[in-house]
């Protein structure tokens, strides 16, 4: 009878060991799948964040370009109006700036 009990105990131990081994193998697969999912999710998140940053930078660059172009147009109009109102003064200022520039470049 003791041999039968020992035999049953051995069978139960082997069965428990196989169950544990199966659970560990399943756990390894699940951890591997989770790690892959996290890695893929991190790449997707980083790509999305990169796209958002690029879009924001592009929008900001367009806005700055628009502001600079508008300011440039205002400056050109103001300068043109000044030249039309005071042509002699504008000619003298342009001549003086040319002389100063030529002196600086000749050195």
Foldseek 3Di string as FASTA:
>chain_A
DVVVVVVVVVVVVVVVVVVVVVVVVVVVVVVVVVVVVVVVVVVVVVVVVVVVVVVVVVVVVVVVVVVVVVVVVVVVVVVVVVCVVPVVVVVVVVVVVVVVVVVVVVD
